[in-house]
């Protein structure tokens, strides 16, 4: 009976059993999402995070997670693995670097003394971009099933 409660609790928090498939296509993309959130905060309010510049580490984590997310999409399963990997890396790079560019432009229009506004804008825009991206790929998957 306690196993059932644990499973329900795991599901509630989005946890899945540690299988190869879940690690690659569930947990790695979530690590990428955490890095993406950190990247948003780091670029919009660099004084909030550690003094050492961690932008490149966060960007690489974002690319890592995004690549595994795209690679694991069911709509891509028919593509040969080498092309699938390259397409996933390309998509992840465009996503990450496009976001960096967007935040740089956004940061340039936010008053420098308003760090809280910059942080909120970074988190909000990052959340919107992730939501729109996942919705887009879910819609593409629905169309591909038809």
N, C-alpha and C. Protein backbone atom coordinates (compact mmCIF):
# COMPACT_ATOMS: atom_id res chain seq x y z
N UNK A 1 0.82 -1.19 0.00
CA UNK A 1 0.00 0.00 0.00
C UNK A 1 0.86 1.26 0.00
N UNK A 2 1.98 1.26 0.74
CA UNK A 2 2.85 2.44 0.76
C UNK A 2 3.51 2.66 -0.60
N UNK A 3 3.73 1.56 -1.35
CA UNK A 3 4.30 1.72 -2.69
C UNK A 3 3.38 2.54 -3.58
N UNK A 4 2.10 2.29 -3.48
CA UNK A 4 1.12 3.03 -4.27
C UNK A 4 1.17 4.52 -3.95
N UNK A 5 1.28 4.86 -2.67
CA UNK A 5 1.36 6.26 -2.26
C UNK A 5 2.64 6.90 -2.80
N UNK A 6 3.75 6.16 -2.73
CA UNK A 6 5.00 6.68 -3.25
C UNK A 6 4.91 6.95 -4.74
N UNK A 7 4.29 6.06 -5.47
CA UNK A 7 4.14 6.24 -6.92
C UNK A 7 3.29 7.46 -7.22
N UNK A 8 2.21 7.64 -6.47
CA UNK A 8 1.36 8.80 -6.67
C UNK A 8 2.10 10.08 -6.33
N UNK A 9 2.90 10.04 -5.28
CA UNK A 9 3.69 11.21 -4.90
C UNK A 9 4.73 11.51 -5.97
N UNK A 10 5.35 10.46 -6.52
CA UNK A 10 6.34 10.66 -7.60
C UNK A 10 5.67 11.30 -8.81
N UNK A 11 4.51 10.80 -9.18
CA UNK A 11 3.78 11.34 -10.33
C UNK A 11 3.41 12.81 -10.09
N UNK A 12 3.02 13.11 -8.87
CA UNK A 12 2.63 14.48 -8.52
C UNK A 12 3.79 15.46 -8.74
N UNK A 13 5.01 15.01 -8.45
CA UNK A 13 6.19 15.87 -8.60
C UNK A 13 6.90 15.68 -9.94
N UNK A 14 6.31 14.89 -10.83
CA UNK A 14 6.90 14.69 -12.16
C UNK A 14 8.10 13.77 -12.17
N UNK A 15 8.22 12.91 -11.17
CA UNK A 15 9.33 11.98 -11.11
C UNK A 15 8.97 10.69 -11.81
N UNK A 16 9.93 10.13 -12.51
CA UNK A 16 9.75 8.86 -13.20
C UNK A 16 10.84 7.91 -12.77
N UNK A 17 10.61 6.60 -12.94
CA UNK A 17 11.65 5.63 -12.58
C UNK A 17 12.94 5.90 -13.36
N UNK A 18 14.06 5.54 -12.77
CA UNK A 18 15.35 5.78 -13.41
C UNK A 18 15.65 4.69 -14.45
N UNK A 19 15.13 4.91 -15.64
CA UNK A 19 15.44 4.04 -16.77
C UNK A 19 16.26 4.86 -17.75
N UNK A 20 16.91 4.19 -18.68
CA UNK A 20 17.71 4.89 -19.70
C UNK A 20 16.85 5.92 -20.44
N UNK A 21 15.69 5.50 -20.86
CA UNK A 21 14.77 6.36 -21.62
C UNK A 21 14.37 7.59 -20.79
N UNK A 22 14.02 7.37 -19.53
CA UNK A 22 13.59 8.48 -18.68
C UNK A 22 14.74 9.44 -18.35
N UNK A 23 15.92 8.91 -18.15
CA UNK A 23 17.07 9.77 -17.86
C UNK A 23 17.37 10.66 -19.06
N UNK A 24 17.42 10.06 -20.25
CA UNK A 24 17.75 10.83 -21.46
C UNK A 24 16.66 11.80 -21.88
N UNK A 25 15.40 11.38 -21.81
CA UNK A 25 14.34 12.18 -22.42
C UNK A 25 13.37 12.81 -21.43
N UNK A 26 13.59 12.57 -20.14
CA UNK A 26 12.78 13.23 -19.12
C UNK A 26 13.65 14.09 -18.20
N UNK A 27 14.68 13.47 -17.61
CA UNK A 27 15.49 14.20 -16.64
C UNK A 27 16.50 15.15 -17.29
N UNK A 28 17.19 14.73 -18.34
CA UNK A 28 18.15 15.63 -18.99
C UNK A 28 17.46 16.89 -19.52
N UNK A 29 16.30 16.79 -20.18
CA UNK A 29 15.63 18.03 -20.60
C UNK A 29 15.23 18.93 -19.43
N UNK A 30 14.90 18.35 -18.29
CA UNK A 30 14.56 19.17 -17.13
C UNK A 30 15.78 19.87 -16.57
N UNK A 31 16.92 19.20 -16.61
CA UNK A 31 18.17 19.86 -16.21
C UNK A 31 18.42 21.04 -17.15
N UNK A 32 18.18 20.83 -18.44
CA UNK A 32 18.31 21.92 -19.41
C UNK A 32 17.37 23.07 -19.09
N UNK A 33 16.15 22.74 -18.67
CA UNK A 33 15.19 23.78 -18.29
C UNK A 33 15.65 24.58 -17.08
N UNK A 34 16.24 23.89 -16.11
CA UNK A 34 16.79 24.60 -14.95
C UNK A 34 17.94 25.51 -15.35
N UNK A 35 18.80 25.01 -16.23
CA UNK A 35 19.92 25.83 -16.72
C UNK A 35 19.39 27.02 -17.51
N UNK A 36 18.34 26.82 -18.29
CA UNK A 36 17.73 27.89 -19.07
C UNK A 36 17.19 28.98 -18.14
N UNK A 37 16.55 28.56 -17.05
CA UNK A 37 16.04 29.52 -16.07
C UNK A 37 17.20 30.29 -15.44
N UNK A 38 18.25 29.56 -15.07
CA UNK A 38 19.43 30.22 -14.51
C UNK A 38 20.08 31.16 -15.50
N UNK A 39 20.09 30.77 -16.77
CA UNK A 39 20.65 31.62 -17.82
C UNK A 39 19.85 32.92 -17.93
N UNK A 40 18.54 32.82 -17.86
CA UNK A 40 17.69 34.02 -17.93
C UNK A 40 18.03 34.98 -16.79
N UNK A 41 18.12 34.45 -15.59
CA UNK A 41 18.44 35.29 -14.43
C UNK A 41 19.85 35.85 -14.55
N UNK A 42 20.79 35.01 -14.95
CA UNK A 42 22.19 35.44 -15.05
C UNK A 42 22.37 36.55 -16.08
N UNK A 43 21.68 36.47 -17.19
CA UNK A 43 21.84 37.49 -18.22
C UNK A 43 21.08 38.77 -17.89
N UNK A 44 19.94 38.63 -17.26
CA UNK A 44 19.14 39.82 -16.96
C UNK A 44 19.59 40.52 -15.68
N UNK A 45 20.14 39.78 -14.74
CA UNK A 45 20.61 40.35 -13.48
C UNK A 45 21.88 39.62 -13.04
N UNK A 46 23.02 39.92 -13.66
CA UNK A 46 24.26 39.18 -13.39
C UNK A 46 24.75 39.28 -11.95
N UNK A 47 24.34 40.30 -11.23
CA UNK A 47 24.80 40.47 -9.84
C UNK A 47 24.10 39.52 -8.88
N UNK A 48 23.03 38.87 -9.31
CA UNK A 48 22.25 38.01 -8.42
C UNK A 48 22.92 36.66 -8.18
N UNK A 49 23.63 36.16 -9.18
CA UNK A 49 24.29 34.85 -9.08
C UNK A 49 25.75 35.03 -8.69
N UNK A 50 26.48 33.93 -8.48
CA UNK A 50 27.88 34.04 -8.03
C UNK A 50 28.72 34.98 -8.89
N UNK A 51 29.74 35.54 -8.27
CA UNK A 51 30.61 36.52 -8.94
C UNK A 51 31.30 35.92 -10.17
N UNK A 52 31.63 34.65 -10.11
CA UNK A 52 32.28 34.02 -11.27
C UNK A 52 31.24 33.89 -12.38
N UNK A 53 31.63 34.25 -13.58
CA UNK A 53 30.71 34.21 -14.71
C UNK A 53 30.39 32.75 -15.06
N UNK A 54 29.12 32.39 -14.92
CA UNK A 54 28.68 31.02 -15.20
C UNK A 54 27.79 30.96 -16.45
N UNK A 55 27.80 32.02 -17.24
CA UNK A 55 26.95 32.08 -18.42
C UNK A 55 27.20 30.91 -19.36
N UNK A 56 28.45 30.60 -19.65
CA UNK A 56 28.76 29.51 -20.58
C UNK A 56 28.32 28.15 -20.05
N UNK A 57 28.47 27.94 -18.75
CA UNK A 57 28.05 26.67 -18.15
C UNK A 57 26.53 26.54 -18.28
N UNK A 58 25.81 27.61 -17.98
CA UNK A 58 24.35 27.58 -18.08
C UNK A 58 23.90 27.41 -19.53
N UNK A 59 24.58 28.05 -20.44
CA UNK A 59 24.24 27.90 -21.86
C UNK A 59 24.50 26.47 -22.32
N UNK A 60 25.61 25.88 -21.93
CA UNK A 60 25.89 24.49 -22.31
C UNK A 60 24.87 23.53 -21.70
N UNK A 61 24.46 23.79 -20.47
CA UNK A 61 23.42 22.96 -19.84
C UNK A 61 22.10 23.09 -20.58
N UNK A 62 21.78 24.30 -21.03
CA UNK A 62 20.57 24.54 -21.80
C UNK A 62 20.63 23.78 -23.13
N UNK A 63 21.78 23.85 -23.81
CA UNK A 63 21.95 23.15 -25.08
C UNK A 63 21.88 21.64 -24.88
N UNK A 64 22.48 21.16 -23.82
CA UNK A 64 22.46 19.73 -23.49
C UNK A 64 21.02 19.24 -23.31
N UNK A 65 20.29 19.91 -22.44
CA UNK A 65 18.91 19.49 -22.17
C UNK A 65 18.00 19.65 -23.38
N UNK A 66 18.17 20.75 -24.09
CA UNK A 66 17.36 20.99 -25.28
C UNK A 66 17.62 19.97 -26.37
N UNK A 67 18.86 19.59 -26.53
CA UNK A 67 19.20 18.59 -27.55
C UNK A 67 18.55 17.25 -27.23
N UNK A 68 18.60 16.83 -25.97
CA UNK A 68 17.95 15.57 -25.60
C UNK A 68 16.43 15.67 -25.71
N UNK A 69 15.87 16.84 -25.39
CA UNK A 69 14.43 17.02 -25.54
C UNK A 69 14.03 16.83 -27.00
N UNK A 70 14.70 17.52 -27.90
CA UNK A 70 14.35 17.44 -29.32
C UNK A 70 14.62 16.04 -29.88
N UNK A 71 15.72 15.44 -29.48
CA UNK A 71 16.06 14.10 -29.96
C UNK A 71 15.00 13.08 -29.56
N UNK A 72 14.44 13.25 -28.37
CA UNK A 72 13.47 12.29 -27.85
C UNK A 72 12.04 12.48 -28.34
N UNK A 73 11.78 13.51 -29.11
CA UNK A 73 10.41 13.74 -29.58
C UNK A 73 9.98 12.60 -30.51
N UNK A 74 8.78 12.08 -30.30
CA UNK A 74 8.30 10.98 -31.15
C UNK A 74 8.28 11.33 -32.64
N UNK A 75 8.03 12.58 -32.97
CA UNK A 75 7.94 12.98 -34.37
C UNK A 75 9.29 12.82 -35.10
N UNK A 76 10.36 12.77 -34.34
CA UNK A 76 11.70 12.64 -34.94
C UNK A 76 12.19 11.20 -35.05
N UNK A 77 11.41 10.25 -34.58
CA UNK A 77 11.89 8.87 -34.49
C UNK A 77 12.19 8.23 -35.84
N UNK A 78 11.58 8.70 -36.89
CA UNK A 78 11.80 8.12 -38.23
C UNK A 78 13.07 8.67 -38.90
N UNK A 79 13.65 9.70 -38.33
CA UNK A 79 14.85 10.31 -38.90
C UNK A 79 16.06 9.48 -38.47
N UNK A 80 17.00 9.20 -39.38
CA UNK A 80 18.21 8.46 -38.99
C UNK A 80 18.92 9.15 -37.81
N UNK A 81 19.50 8.34 -36.93
CA UNK A 81 20.07 8.86 -35.69
C UNK A 81 21.09 9.98 -35.87
N UNK A 82 21.97 9.86 -36.88
CA UNK A 82 22.98 10.91 -37.04
C UNK A 82 22.33 12.24 -37.44
N UNK A 83 21.38 12.20 -38.35
CA UNK A 83 20.67 13.43 -38.73
C UNK A 83 19.81 13.93 -37.57
N UNK A 84 19.19 13.02 -36.89
CA UNK A 84 18.34 13.37 -35.75
C UNK A 84 19.15 14.10 -34.68
N UNK A 85 20.35 13.62 -34.42
CA UNK A 85 21.23 14.27 -33.45
C UNK A 85 21.64 15.66 -33.90
N UNK A 86 22.01 15.78 -35.18
CA UNK A 86 22.41 17.09 -35.70
C UNK A 86 21.24 18.07 -35.71
N UNK A 87 20.06 17.61 -36.12
CA UNK A 87 18.88 18.47 -36.12
C UNK A 87 18.55 18.93 -34.69
N UNK A 88 18.68 18.01 -33.75
CA UNK A 88 18.39 18.34 -32.36
C UNK A 88 19.38 19.36 -31.81
N UNK A 89 20.65 19.18 -32.13
CA UNK A 89 21.68 20.14 -31.70
C UNK A 89 21.45 21.50 -32.34
N UNK A 90 21.09 21.51 -33.61
CA UNK A 90 20.80 22.77 -34.30
C UNK A 90 19.61 23.48 -33.65
N UNK A 91 18.53 22.75 -33.44
CA UNK A 91 17.34 23.35 -32.83
C UNK A 91 17.62 23.88 -31.44
N UNK A 92 18.35 23.12 -30.66
CA UNK A 92 18.70 23.54 -29.31
C UNK A 92 19.60 24.77 -29.33
N UNK A 93 20.54 24.81 -30.25
CA UNK A 93 21.44 25.97 -30.37
C UNK A 93 20.68 27.22 -30.77
N UNK A 94 19.78 27.09 -31.74
CA UNK A 94 18.98 28.25 -32.15
C UNK A 94 18.12 28.74 -31.00
N UNK A 95 17.55 27.81 -30.25
CA UNK A 95 16.72 28.16 -29.09
C UNK A 95 17.54 28.90 -28.04
N UNK A 96 18.67 28.31 -27.64
CA UNK A 96 19.49 28.90 -26.59
C UNK A 96 20.12 30.22 -26.98
N UNK A 97 20.74 30.26 -28.14
CA UNK A 97 21.42 31.48 -28.57
C UNK A 97 20.42 32.58 -28.94
N UNK A 98 19.27 32.18 -29.49
CA UNK A 98 18.23 33.17 -29.76
C UNK A 98 17.71 33.79 -28.48
N UNK A 99 17.59 32.99 -27.44
CA UNK A 99 17.15 33.51 -26.14
C UNK A 99 18.19 34.47 -25.57
N UNK A 100 19.47 34.10 -25.68
CA UNK A 100 20.54 34.98 -25.19
C UNK A 100 20.46 36.33 -25.90
N UNK A 101 20.28 36.30 -27.20
CA UNK A 101 20.16 37.55 -27.96
C UNK A 101 18.94 38.34 -27.51
N UNK A 102 17.81 37.68 -27.36
CA UNK A 102 16.59 38.35 -26.91
C UNK A 102 16.76 38.99 -25.54
N UNK A 103 17.39 38.28 -24.61
CA UNK A 103 17.59 38.83 -23.28
C UNK A 103 18.59 39.99 -23.30
N UNK A 104 19.58 39.92 -24.16
CA UNK A 104 20.54 41.03 -24.28
C UNK A 104 19.83 42.29 -24.76
N UNK A 105 18.96 42.14 -25.75
CA UNK A 105 18.20 43.29 -26.24
C UNK A 105 17.25 43.80 -25.16
N UNK A 106 16.55 42.88 -24.50
CA UNK A 106 15.61 43.27 -23.44
C UNK A 106 16.34 43.97 -22.29
N UNK A 107 17.49 43.45 -21.93
CA UNK A 107 18.27 44.05 -20.83
C UNK A 107 18.73 45.46 -21.18
N UNK A 108 18.98 45.71 -22.45
CA UNK A 108 19.45 47.04 -22.85
C UNK A 108 18.35 48.10 -22.73
N UNK A 109 17.09 47.69 -22.71
CA UNK A 109 15.99 48.67 -22.59
C UNK A 109 15.47 48.80 -21.16
N UNK A 110 15.87 47.89 -20.28
CA UNK A 110 15.46 47.97 -18.87
C UNK A 110 16.44 48.86 -18.13
N UNK A 111 15.96 49.81 -17.34
CA UNK A 111 16.87 50.68 -16.58
C UNK A 111 17.83 49.85 -15.71
N UNK A 112 19.10 50.23 -15.73
CA UNK A 112 20.13 49.46 -15.01
C UNK A 112 19.87 49.38 -13.50
N UNK A 113 19.25 50.39 -12.96
CA UNK A 113 19.01 50.40 -11.51
C UNK A 113 17.81 49.54 -11.11
N UNK A 114 17.08 49.01 -12.08
CA UNK A 114 15.91 48.20 -11.77
C UNK A 114 16.20 46.72 -12.00
N UNK A 115 17.04 46.16 -11.15
CA UNK A 115 17.45 44.76 -11.28
C UNK A 115 16.29 43.80 -11.05
N UNK A 116 15.38 44.15 -10.15
CA UNK A 116 14.24 43.26 -9.87
C UNK A 116 13.35 43.13 -11.11
N UNK A 117 13.09 44.23 -11.79
CA UNK A 117 12.29 44.19 -13.01
C UNK A 117 12.99 43.34 -14.07
N UNK A 118 14.29 43.51 -14.21
CA UNK A 118 15.06 42.74 -15.19
C UNK A 118 14.96 41.24 -14.89
N UNK A 119 15.07 40.87 -13.62
CA UNK A 119 14.98 39.47 -13.23
C UNK A 119 13.61 38.90 -13.56
N UNK A 120 12.58 39.63 -13.19
CA UNK A 120 11.21 39.18 -13.46
C UNK A 120 10.96 39.06 -14.96
N UNK A 121 11.42 40.03 -15.73
CA UNK A 121 11.27 39.96 -17.18
C UNK A 121 12.01 38.76 -17.77
N UNK A 122 13.20 38.49 -17.28
CA UNK A 122 13.96 37.33 -17.75
C UNK A 122 13.24 36.03 -17.47
N UNK A 123 12.74 35.88 -16.24
CA UNK A 123 12.02 34.66 -15.88
C UNK A 123 10.72 34.53 -16.66
N UNK A 124 10.00 35.64 -16.81
CA UNK A 124 8.72 35.61 -17.52
C UNK A 124 8.91 35.28 -19.00
N UNK A 125 9.85 35.95 -19.64
CA UNK A 125 10.07 35.68 -21.06
C UNK A 125 10.59 34.26 -21.28
N UNK A 126 11.46 33.80 -20.39
CA UNK A 126 11.95 32.42 -20.48
C UNK A 126 10.82 31.42 -20.34
N UNK A 127 9.94 31.65 -19.39
CA UNK A 127 8.78 30.76 -19.20
C UNK A 127 7.87 30.74 -20.41
N UNK A 128 7.64 31.93 -20.98
CA UNK A 128 6.79 32.02 -22.18
C UNK A 128 7.43 31.29 -23.35
N UNK A 129 8.72 31.46 -23.53
CA UNK A 129 9.41 30.80 -24.65
C UNK A 129 9.37 29.28 -24.49
N UNK A 130 9.59 28.79 -23.29
CA UNK A 130 9.53 27.34 -23.06
C UNK A 130 8.11 26.83 -23.31
N UNK A 131 7.12 27.53 -22.81
CA UNK A 131 5.72 27.11 -23.00
C UNK A 131 5.35 27.10 -24.48
N UNK A 132 5.68 28.16 -25.19
CA UNK A 132 5.38 28.22 -26.62
C UNK A 132 6.10 27.12 -27.40
N UNK A 133 7.34 26.87 -27.03
CA UNK A 133 8.11 25.83 -27.72
C UNK A 133 7.53 24.45 -27.51
N UNK A 134 7.21 24.12 -26.26
CA UNK A 134 6.63 22.80 -26.00
C UNK A 134 5.26 22.67 -26.63
N UNK A 135 4.46 23.73 -26.59
CA UNK A 135 3.15 23.69 -27.27
C UNK A 135 3.32 23.47 -28.77
N UNK A 136 4.29 24.15 -29.36
CA UNK A 136 4.56 24.00 -30.79
C UNK A 136 4.88 22.54 -31.12
N UNK A 137 5.79 21.94 -30.37
CA UNK A 137 6.18 20.56 -30.66
C UNK A 137 5.05 19.57 -30.38
N UNK A 138 4.22 19.86 -29.38
CA UNK A 138 3.05 19.01 -29.14
C UNK A 138 2.08 19.09 -30.32
N UNK A 139 1.87 20.28 -30.87
CA UNK A 139 0.99 20.44 -32.03
C UNK A 139 1.58 19.75 -33.26
N UNK A 140 2.89 19.87 -33.46
CA UNK A 140 3.54 19.18 -34.58
C UNK A 140 3.35 17.67 -34.46
N UNK A 141 3.47 17.16 -33.23
CA UNK A 141 3.29 15.73 -33.01
C UNK A 141 1.85 15.30 -33.33
N UNK A 142 0.88 16.10 -32.94
CA UNK A 142 -0.53 15.78 -33.25
C UNK A 142 -0.74 15.73 -34.76
N UNK A 143 -0.18 16.69 -35.48
CA UNK A 143 -0.32 16.73 -36.94
C UNK A 143 0.37 15.52 -37.58
N UNK A 144 1.53 15.14 -37.04
CA UNK A 144 2.28 14.02 -37.60
C UNK A 144 1.53 12.70 -37.40
N UNK A 145 0.73 12.59 -36.36
CA UNK A 145 -0.02 11.36 -36.10
C UNK A 145 -1.16 11.16 -37.09
N UNK A 146 -1.61 12.24 -37.70
CA UNK A 146 -2.76 12.14 -38.63
C UNK A 146 -2.41 11.44 -39.91
